[in-house]
Amino acid sequence: MDQFDNEVLDTFLENQLQLFPEEVAETREEAEEFLEDCMAVVCENEREVKEYFEEEGLDISGMSMDDILEQSEVFSLPSGRFLIVEG
């Protein structure tokens, strides 16, 4: 099974300019390849997003959950999950 479902791929394709100055993918296949190459992560909820940043050693102390979710590498998915892409 593919790591990234259509919801993830479509959301990334629609919103990739929030993280990159120009589009890095035009099709679902290109998006999936790009996300695999940069080791993107899908989190099931806000808590997992926060845990991801803590595990990566990013200083999020003093940041509210809204601040964390507004980071350019965090993409909100319609289902309530989150995609994190390290730019």
PDB file of N, CA and C in Angstrom:
ATOM      1  N   MET A   1       0.843  -1.196   0.000  1.00  0.00           N
ATOM      2  CA  MET A   1       0.000   0.000   0.000  1.00  0.00           C
ATOM      3  C   MET A   1       0.880   1.248   0.000  1.00  0.00           C
ATOM      4  N   ASP A   2       0.460   2.220  -0.764  1.00  0.00           N
ATOM      5  CA  ASP A   2       1.217   3.473  -0.832  1.00  0.00           C
ATOM      6  C   ASP A   2       1.165   4.198   0.504  1.00  0.00           C
ATOM      7  N   GLN A   3       2.265   4.855   0.815  1.00  0.00           N
ATOM      8  CA  GLN A   3       2.341   5.597   2.072  1.00  0.00           C
ATOM      9  C   GLN A   3       1.416   6.811   2.057  1.00  0.00           C
ATOM     10  N   PHE A   4       1.256   7.415   0.895  1.00  0.00           N
ATOM     11  CA  PHE A   4       0.470   8.643   0.795  1.00  0.00           C
ATOM     12  C   PHE A   4      -0.787   8.386  -0.023  1.00  0.00           C
ATOM     13  N   ASP A   5      -1.964   8.584   0.595  1.00  0.00           N
ATOM     14  CA  ASP A   5      -3.219   8.374  -0.121  1.00  0.00           C
ATOM     15  C   ASP A   5      -3.549   9.609  -0.963  1.00  0.00           C
ATOM     16  N   ASN A   6      -4.621   9.495  -1.752  1.00  0.00           N
ATOM     17  CA  ASN A   6      -4.985  10.587  -2.666  1.00  0.00           C
ATOM     18  C   ASN A   6      -5.270  11.890  -1.935  1.00  0.00           C
ATOM     19  N   GLU A   7      -5.851  11.816  -0.742  1.00  0.00           N
ATOM     20  CA  GLU A   7      -6.119  13.033   0.023  1.00  0.00           C
ATOM     21  C   GLU A   7      -4.809  13.774   0.320  1.00  0.00           C
ATOM     22  N   VAL A   8      -3.803  13.035   0.739  1.00  0.00           N
ATOM     23  CA  VAL A   8      -2.497  13.633   1.040  1.00  0.00           C
ATOM     24  C   VAL A   8      -1.890  14.233  -0.225  1.00  0.00           C
ATOM     25  N   LEU A   9      -1.884  13.463  -1.300  1.00  0.00           N
ATOM     26  CA  LEU A   9      -1.267  13.925  -2.546  1.00  0.00           C
ATOM     27  C   LEU A   9      -1.988  15.147  -3.106  1.00  0.00           C
ATOM     28  N   ASP A  10      -3.319  15.116  -3.119  1.00  0.00           N
ATOM     29  CA  ASP A  10      -4.078  16.247  -3.660  1.00  0.00           C
ATOM     30  C   ASP A  10      -3.888  17.504  -2.818  1.00  0.00           C
ATOM     31  N   THR A  11      -3.887  17.353  -1.494  1.00  0.00           N
ATOM     32  CA  THR A  11      -3.685  18.501  -0.613  1.00  0.00           C
ATOM     33  C   THR A  11      -2.305  19.098  -0.829  1.00  0.00           C
ATOM     34  N   PHE A  12      -1.295  18.238  -0.955  1.00  0.00           N
ATOM     35  CA  PHE A  12       0.055  18.755  -1.204  1.00  0.00           C
ATOM     36  C   PHE A  12       0.112  19.483  -2.546  1.00  0.00           C
ATOM     37  N   LEU A  13      -0.449  18.886  -3.581  1.00  0.00           N
ATOM     38  CA  LEU A  13      -0.422  19.526  -4.906  1.00  0.00           C
ATOM     39  C   LEU A  13      -1.111  20.887  -4.883  1.00  0.00           C
ATOM     40  N   GLU A  14      -2.240  20.986  -4.172  1.00  0.00           N
ATOM     41  CA  GLU A  14      -3.004  22.234  -4.126  1.00  0.00           C
ATOM     42  C   GLU A  14      -2.298  23.310  -3.299  1.00  0.00           C
ATOM     43  N   ASN A  15      -1.509  22.904  -2.302  1.00  0.00           N
ATOM     44  CA  ASN A  15      -0.961  23.862  -1.330  1.00  0.00           C
ATOM     45  C   ASN A  15       0.556  23.917  -1.268  1.00  0.00           C
ATOM     46  N   GLN A  16       1.246  23.294  -2.220  1.00  0.00           N
ATOM     47  CA  GLN A  16       2.705  23.222  -2.139  1.00  0.00           C
ATOM     48  C   GLN A  16       3.386  24.591  -2.133  1.00  0.00           C
ATOM     49  N   LEU A  17       2.738  25.605  -2.666  1.00  0.00           N
ATOM     50  CA  LEU A  17       3.356  26.931  -2.708  1.00  0.00           C
ATOM     51  C   LEU A  17       3.423  27.590  -1.329  1.00  0.00           C
ATOM     52  N   GLN A  18       2.756  27.009  -0.320  1.00  0.00           N
ATOM     53  CA  GLN A  18       2.890  27.549   1.040  1.00  0.00           C
ATOM     54  C   GLN A  18       4.291  27.266   1.584  1.00  0.00           C
ATOM     55  N   LEU A  19       4.975  26.280   0.999  1.00  0.00           N
ATOM     56  CA  LEU A  19       6.294  25.885   1.496  1.00  0.00           C
ATOM     57  C   LEU A  19       7.405  26.184   0.500  1.00  0.00           C
ATOM     58  N   PHE A  20       7.092  26.105  -0.781  1.00  0.00           N
ATOM     59  CA  PHE A  20       8.110  26.257  -1.820  1.00  0.00           C
ATOM     60  C   PHE A  20       7.800  27.459  -2.703  1.00  0.00           C
ATOM     61  N   PRO A  21       8.843  28.128  -3.225  1.00  0.00           N
ATOM     62  CA  PRO A  21       8.613  29.304  -4.061  1.00  0.00           C
ATOM     63  C   PRO A  21       8.008  28.962  -5.423  1.00  0.00           C
ATOM     64  N   GLU A  22       8.169  27.721  -5.863  1.00  0.00           N
ATOM     65  CA  GLU A  22       7.550  27.290  -7.112  1.00  0.00           C
ATOM     66  C   GLU A  22       7.108  25.839  -6.957  1.00  0.00           C
ATOM     67  N   GLU A  23       6.233  25.398  -7.833  1.00  0.00           N
ATOM     68  CA  GLU A  23       5.709  24.036  -7.725  1.00  0.00           C
ATOM     69  C   GLU A  23       6.824  23.008  -7.900  1.00  0.00           C
ATOM     70  N   VAL A  24       6.789  21.986  -7.059  1.00  0.00           N
ATOM     71  CA  VAL A  24       7.777  20.906  -7.143  1.00  0.00           C
ATOM     72  C   VAL A  24       7.158  19.643  -7.744  1.00  0.00           C
ATOM     73  N   ALA A  25       5.835  19.634  -7.920  1.00  0.00           N
ATOM     74  CA  ALA A  25       5.150  18.481  -8.498  1.00  0.00           C
ATOM     75  C   ALA A  25       3.885  18.946  -9.208  1.00  0.00           C
ATOM     76  N   GLU A  26       3.552  18.252 -10.295  1.00  0.00           N
ATOM     77  CA  GLU A  26       2.339  18.584 -11.047  1.00  0.00           C
ATOM     78  C   GLU A  26       1.322  17.454 -11.037  1.00  0.00           C
ATOM     79  N   THR A  27       1.761  16.227 -10.766  1.00  0.00           N
ATOM     80  CA  THR A  27       0.861  15.077 -10.774  1.00  0.00           C
ATOM     81  C   THR A  27       0.934  14.358  -9.432  1.00  0.00           C
ATOM     82  N   ARG A  28      -0.031  13.490  -9.189  1.00  0.00           N
ATOM     83  CA  ARG A  28       0.004  12.694  -7.955  1.00  0.00           C
ATOM     84  C   ARG A  28       1.285  11.860  -7.886  1.00  0.00           C
ATOM     85  N   GLU A  29       1.697  11.304  -9.024  1.00  0.00           N
ATOM     86  CA  GLU A  29       2.898  10.471  -9.042  1.00  0.00           C
ATOM     87  C   GLU A  29       4.126  11.296  -8.650  1.00  0.00           C
ATOM     88  N   GLU A  30       4.250  12.494  -9.230  1.00  0.00           N
ATOM     89  CA  GLU A  30       5.374  13.374  -8.886  1.00  0.00           C
ATOM     90  C   GLU A  30       5.313  13.785  -7.427  1.00  0.00           C
ATOM     91  N   ALA A  31       4.119  14.063  -6.941  1.00  0.00           N
ATOM     92  CA  ALA A  31       3.953  14.467  -5.539  1.00  0.00           C
ATOM     93  C   ALA A  31       4.384  13.332  -4.618  1.00  0.00           C
ATOM     94  N   GLU A  32       3.947  12.110  -4.942  1.00  0.00           N
ATOM     95  CA  GLU A  32       4.308  10.974  -4.099  1.00  0.00           C
ATOM     96  C   GLU A  32       5.817  10.758  -4.077  1.00  0.00           C
ATOM     97  N   GLU A  33       6.437  10.847  -5.241  1.00  0.00           N
ATOM     98  CA  GLU A  33       7.892  10.680  -5.322  1.00  0.00           C
ATOM     99  C   GLU A  33       8.609  11.766  -4.509  1.00  0.00           C
ATOM    100  N   PHE A  34       8.145  12.998  -4.640  1.00  0.00           N
ATOM    101  CA  PHE A  34       8.761  14.097  -3.897  1.00  0.00           C
ATOM    102  C   PHE A  34       8.606  13.895  -2.394  1.00  0.00           C
ATOM    103  N   LEU A  35       7.401  13.539  -1.957  1.00  0.00           N
ATOM    104  CA  LEU A  35       7.146  13.366  -0.528  1.00  0.00           C
ATOM    105  C   LEU A  35       7.965  12.211   0.039  1.00  0.00           C
ATOM    106  N   GLU A  36       8.126  11.151  -0.744  1.00  0.00           N
ATOM    107  CA  GLU A  36       8.968  10.032  -0.300  1.00  0.00           C
ATOM    108  C   GLU A  36      10.424  10.474  -0.192  1.00  0.00           C
ATOM    109  N   ASP A  37      10.895  11.234  -1.187  1.00  0.00           N
ATOM    110  CA  ASP A  37      12.294  11.685  -1.195  1.00  0.00           C
ATOM    111  C   ASP A  37      12.616  12.562   0.007  1.00  0.00           C
ATOM    112  N   CYS A  38      11.676  13.414   0.411  1.00  0.00           N
ATOM    113  CA  CYS A  38      11.963  14.303   1.539  1.00  0.00           C
ATOM    114  C   CYS A  38      11.436  13.728   2.854  1.00  0.00           C
ATOM    115  N   MET A  39      11.040  12.461   2.827  1.00  0.00           N
ATOM    116  CA  MET A  39      10.617  11.740   4.026  1.00  0.00           C
ATOM    117  C   MET A  39       9.512  12.482   4.782  1.00  0.00           C
ATOM    118  N   ALA A  40       8.496  12.885   4.035  1.00  0.00           N
ATOM    119  CA  ALA A  40       7.333  13.538   4.636  1.00  0.00           C
ATOM    120  C   ALA A  40       6.610  12.556   5.551  1.00  0.00           C
ATOM    121  N   VAL A  41       5.878  13.109   6.505  1.00  0.00           N
ATOM    122  CA  VAL A  41       5.200  12.302   7.519  1.00  0.00           C
ATOM    123  C   VAL A  41       3.732  12.709   7.591  1.00  0.00           C
ATOM    124  N   VAL A  42       2.856  11.717   7.726  1.00  0.00           N
ATOM    125  CA  VAL A  42       1.440  11.991   7.958  1.00  0.00           C
ATOM    126  C   VAL A  42       1.155  11.737   9.432  1.00  0.00           C
ATOM    127  N   CYS A  43       0.614  12.747  10.104  1.00  0.00           N
ATOM    128  CA  CYS A  43       0.253  12.630  11.517  1.00  0.00           C
ATOM    129  C   CYS A  43      -1.263  12.528  11.622  1.00  0.00           C
ATOM    130  N   GLU A  44      -1.732  11.713  12.550  1.00  0.00           N
ATOM    131  CA  GLU A  44      -3.173  11.490  12.693  1.00  0.00           C
ATOM    132  C   GLU A  44      -3.881  12.641  13.404  1.00  0.00           C
ATOM    133  N   ASN A  45      -3.140  13.419  14.222  1.00  0.00           N
ATOM    134  CA  ASN A  45      -3.789  14.478  14.995  1.00  0.00           C
ATOM    135  C   ASN A  45      -2.753  15.521  15.430  1.00  0.00           C
ATOM    136  N   GLU A  46      -3.233  16.560  16.110  1.00  0.00           N
ATOM    137  CA  GLU A  46      -2.353  17.661  16.540  1.00  0.00           C
ATOM    138  C   GLU A  46      -1.260  17.175  17.484  1.00  0.00           C
ATOM    139  N   ARG A  47      -1.605  16.242  18.374  1.00  0.00           N
ATOM    140  CA  ARG A  47      -0.621  15.728  19.331  1.00  0.00           C
ATOM    141  C   ARG A  47       0.559  15.089  18.603  1.00  0.00           C
ATOM    142  N   GLU A  48       0.282  14.328  17.549  1.00  0.00           N
ATOM    143  CA  GLU A  48       1.362  13.700  16.788  1.00  0.00           C
ATOM    144  C   GLU A  48       2.232  14.738  16.082  1.00  0.00           C
ATOM    145  N   VAL A  49       1.624  15.846  15.640  1.00  0.00           N
ATOM    146  CA  VAL A  49       2.406  16.915  15.011  1.00  0.00           C
ATOM    147  C   VAL A  49       3.396  17.484  16.029  1.00  0.00           C
ATOM    148  N   LYS A  50       2.895  17.771  17.229  1.00  0.00           N
ATOM    149  CA  LYS A  50       3.755  18.317  18.285  1.00  0.00           C
ATOM    150  C   LYS A  50       4.864  17.329  18.642  1.00  0.00           C
ATOM    151  N   GLU A  51       4.508  16.051  18.786  1.00  0.00           N
ATOM    152  CA  GLU A  51       5.510  15.029  19.102  1.00  0.00           C
ATOM    153  C   GLU A  51       6.569  14.936  18.004  1.00  0.00           C
ATOM    154  N   TYR A  52       6.144  15.053  16.746  1.00  0.00           N
ATOM    155  CA  TYR A  52       7.094  14.999  15.633  1.00  0.00           C
ATOM    156  C   TYR A  52       8.130  16.115  15.765  1.00  0.00           C
ATOM    157  N   PHE A  53       7.655  17.343  15.987  1.00  0.00           N
ATOM    158  CA  PHE A  53       8.578  18.473  16.109  1.00  0.00           C
ATOM    159  C   PHE A  53       9.520  18.295  17.297  1.00  0.00           C
ATOM    160  N   GLU A  54       8.994  17.779  18.405  1.00  0.00           N
ATOM    161  CA  GLU A  54       9.842  17.547  19.584  1.00  0.00           C
ATOM    162  C   GLU A  54      10.900  16.488  19.284  1.00  0.00           C
ATOM    163  N   GLU A  55      10.502  15.396  18.620  1.00  0.00           N
ATOM    164  CA  GLU A  55      11.443  14.330  18.282  1.00  0.00           C
ATOM    165  C   GLU A  55      12.507  14.806  17.302  1.00  0.00           C
ATOM    166  N   GLU A  56      12.149  15.752  16.435  1.00  0.00           N
ATOM    167  CA  GLU A  56      13.107  16.279  15.465  1.00  0.00           C
ATOM    168  C   GLU A  56      14.038  17.318  16.105  1.00  0.00           C
ATOM    169  N   GLY A  57      13.792  17.636  17.364  1.00  0.00           N
ATOM    170  CA  GLY A  57      14.656  18.571  18.075  1.00  0.00           C
ATOM    171  C   GLY A  57      14.385  20.029  17.763  1.00  0.00           C
ATOM    172  N   LEU A  58      13.215  20.323  17.222  1.00  0.00           N
ATOM    173  CA  LEU A  58      12.881  21.716  16.918  1.00  0.00           C
ATOM    174  C   LEU A  58      12.382  22.401  18.179  1.00  0.00           C
ATOM    175  N   ASP A  59      12.805  23.621  18.379  1.00  0.00           N
ATOM    176  CA  ASP A  59      12.423  24.362  19.578  1.00  0.00           C
ATOM    177  C   ASP A  59      11.020  24.924  19.403  1.00  0.00           C
ATOM    178  N   ILE A  60      10.057  24.264  20.029  1.00  0.00           N
ATOM    179  CA  ILE A  60       8.672  24.733  19.953  1.00  0.00           C
ATOM    180  C   ILE A  60       8.188  25.204  21.313  1.00  0.00           C
ATOM    181  N   SER A  61       9.104  25.340  22.266  1.00  0.00           N
ATOM    182  CA  SER A  61       8.709  25.816  23.589  1.00  0.00           C
ATOM    183  C   SER A  61       8.146  27.222  23.459  1.00  0.00           C
ATOM    184  N   GLY A  62       7.055  27.458  24.138  1.00  0.00           N
ATOM    185  CA  GLY A  62       6.416  28.763  24.068  1.00  0.00           C
ATOM    186  C   GLY A  62       5.482  28.920  22.886  1.00  0.00           C
ATOM    187  N   MET A  63       5.441  27.932  22.001  1.00  0.00           N
ATOM    188  CA  MET A  63       4.538  28.011  20.846  1.00  0.00           C
ATOM    189  C   MET A  63       3.204  27.361  21.199  1.00  0.00           C
ATOM    190  N   SER A  64       2.129  28.015  20.806  1.00  0.00           N
ATOM    191  CA  SER A  64       0.804  27.413  20.992  1.00  0.00           C
ATOM    192  C   SER A  64       0.596  26.348  19.918  1.00  0.00           C
ATOM    193  N   MET A  65      -0.411  25.512  20.094  1.00  0.00           N
ATOM    194  CA  MET A  65      -0.715  24.507  19.078  1.00  0.00           C
ATOM    195  C   MET A  65      -1.045  25.185  17.753  1.00  0.00           C
ATOM    196  N   ASP A  66      -1.759  26.314  17.802  1.00  0.00           N
ATOM    197  CA  ASP A  66      -2.057  27.051  16.568  1.00  0.00           C
ATOM    198  C   ASP A  66      -0.776  27.495  15.881  1.00  0.00           C
ATOM    199  N   ASP A  67       0.197  27.993  16.665  1.00  0.00           N
ATOM    200  CA  ASP A  67       1.478  28.416  16.091  1.00  0.00           C
ATOM    201  C   ASP A  67       2.170  27.250  15.397  1.00  0.00           C
ATOM    202  N   ILE A  68       2.148  26.096  16.040  1.00  0.00           N
ATOM    203  CA  ILE A  68       2.800  24.910  15.478  1.00  0.00           C
ATOM    204  C   ILE A  68       2.112  24.504  14.169  1.00  0.00           C
ATOM    205  N   LEU A  69       0.786  24.488  14.175  1.00  0.00           N
ATOM    206  CA  LEU A  69       0.037  24.058  12.992  1.00  0.00           C
ATOM    207  C   LEU A  69       0.116  25.068  11.853  1.00  0.00           C
ATOM    208  N   GLU A  70       0.500  26.313  12.157  1.00  0.00           N
ATOM    209  CA  GLU A  70       0.624  27.341  11.125  1.00  0.00           C
ATOM    210  C   GLU A  70       2.007  27.353  10.476  1.00  0.00           C
ATOM    211  N   GLN A  71       2.907  26.485  10.913  1.00  0.00           N
ATOM    212  CA  GLN A  71       4.231  26.407  10.292  1.00  0.00           C
ATOM    213  C   GLN A  71       4.071  26.029   8.820  1.00  0.00           C
ATOM    214  N   SER A  72       4.927  26.586   7.964  1.00  0.00           N
ATOM    215  CA  SER A  72       4.754  26.375   6.525  1.00  0.00           C
ATOM    216  C   SER A  72       4.905  24.915   6.120  1.00  0.00           C
ATOM    217  N   GLU A  73       5.611  24.107   6.918  1.00  0.00           N
ATOM    218  CA  GLU A  73       5.786  22.700   6.549  1.00  0.00           C
ATOM    219  C   GLU A  73       4.632  21.810   6.995  1.00  0.00           C
ATOM    220  N   VAL A  74       3.631  22.390   7.664  1.00  0.00           N
ATOM    221  CA  VAL A  74       2.473  21.618   8.130  1.00  0.00           C
ATOM    222  C   VAL A  74       1.290  21.886   7.199  1.00  0.00           C
ATOM    223  N   PHE A  75       0.773  20.822   6.607  1.00  0.00           N
ATOM    224  CA  PHE A  75      -0.382  20.905   5.713  1.00  0.00           C
ATOM    225  C   PHE A  75      -1.568  20.229   6.395  1.00  0.00           C
ATOM    226  N   SER A  76      -2.654  20.964   6.597  1.00  0.00           N
ATOM    227  CA  SER A  76      -3.866  20.393   7.186  1.00  0.00           C
ATOM    228  C   SER A  76      -4.627  19.633   6.112  1.00  0.00           C
ATOM    229  N   LEU A  77      -5.010  18.402   6.422  1.00  0.00           N
ATOM    230  CA  LEU A  77      -5.768  17.579   5.485  1.00  0.00           C
ATOM    231  C   LEU A  77      -7.254  17.650   5.829  1.00  0.00           C
ATOM    232  N   PRO A  78      -8.126  17.532   4.834  1.00  0.00           N
ATOM    233  CA  PRO A  78      -9.573  17.612   5.085  1.00  0.00           C
ATOM    234  C   PRO A  78     -10.069  16.631   6.140  1.00  0.00           C
ATOM    235  N   SER A  79      -9.422  15.488   6.270  1.00  0.00           N
ATOM    236  CA  SER A  79      -9.871  14.460   7.222  1.00  0.00           C
ATOM    237  C   SER A  79      -9.473  14.765   8.663  1.00  0.00           C
ATOM    238  N   GLY A  80      -8.708  15.868   8.870  1.00  0.00           N
ATOM    239  CA  GLY A  80      -8.267  16.204  10.209  1.00  0.00           C
ATOM    240  C   GLY A  80      -6.846  15.742  10.499  1.00  0.00           C
ATOM    241  N   ARG A  81      -6.252  14.994   9.557  1.00  0.00           N
ATOM    242  CA  ARG A  81      -4.858  14.604   9.709  1.00  0.00           C
ATOM    243  C   ARG A  81      -3.962  15.754   9.240  1.00  0.00           C
ATOM    244  N   PHE A  82      -2.657  15.568   9.390  1.00  0.00           N
ATOM    245  CA  PHE A  82      -1.701  16.596   8.990  1.00  0.00           C
ATOM    246  C   PHE A  82      -0.547  15.956   8.234  1.00  0.00           C
ATOM    247  N   LEU A  83      -0.075  16.647   7.204  1.00  0.00           N
ATOM    248  CA  LEU A  83       1.109  16.239   6.455  1.00  0.00           C
ATOM    249  C   LEU A  83       2.231  17.193   6.849  1.00  0.00           C
ATOM    250  N   ILE A  84       3.397  16.641   7.195  1.00  0.00           N
ATOM    251  CA  ILE A  84       4.552  17.466   7.513  1.00  0.00           C
ATOM    252  C   ILE A  84       5.615  17.203   6.445  1.00  0.00           C
ATOM    253  N   VAL A  85       6.052  18.278   5.793  1.00  0.00           N
ATOM    254  CA  VAL A  85       7.039  18.191   4.723  1.00  0.00           C
ATOM    255  C   VAL A  85       8.221  19.058   5.107  1.00  0.00           C
ATOM    256  N   GLU A  86       9.384  18.450   5.250  1.00  0.00           N
ATOM    257  CA  GLU A  86      10.595  19.227   5.534  1.00  0.00           C
ATOM    258  C   GLU A  86      11.085  19.827   4.225  1.00  0.00           C
ATOM    259  N   GLY A  87      11.062  21.144   4.128  1.00  0.00           N
ATOM    260  CA  GLY A  87      11.375  21.844   2.886  1.00  0.00           C
ATOM    261  C   GLY A  87      12.790  21.792   2.471  1.00  0.00           C
TER     262      GLY A  87
END
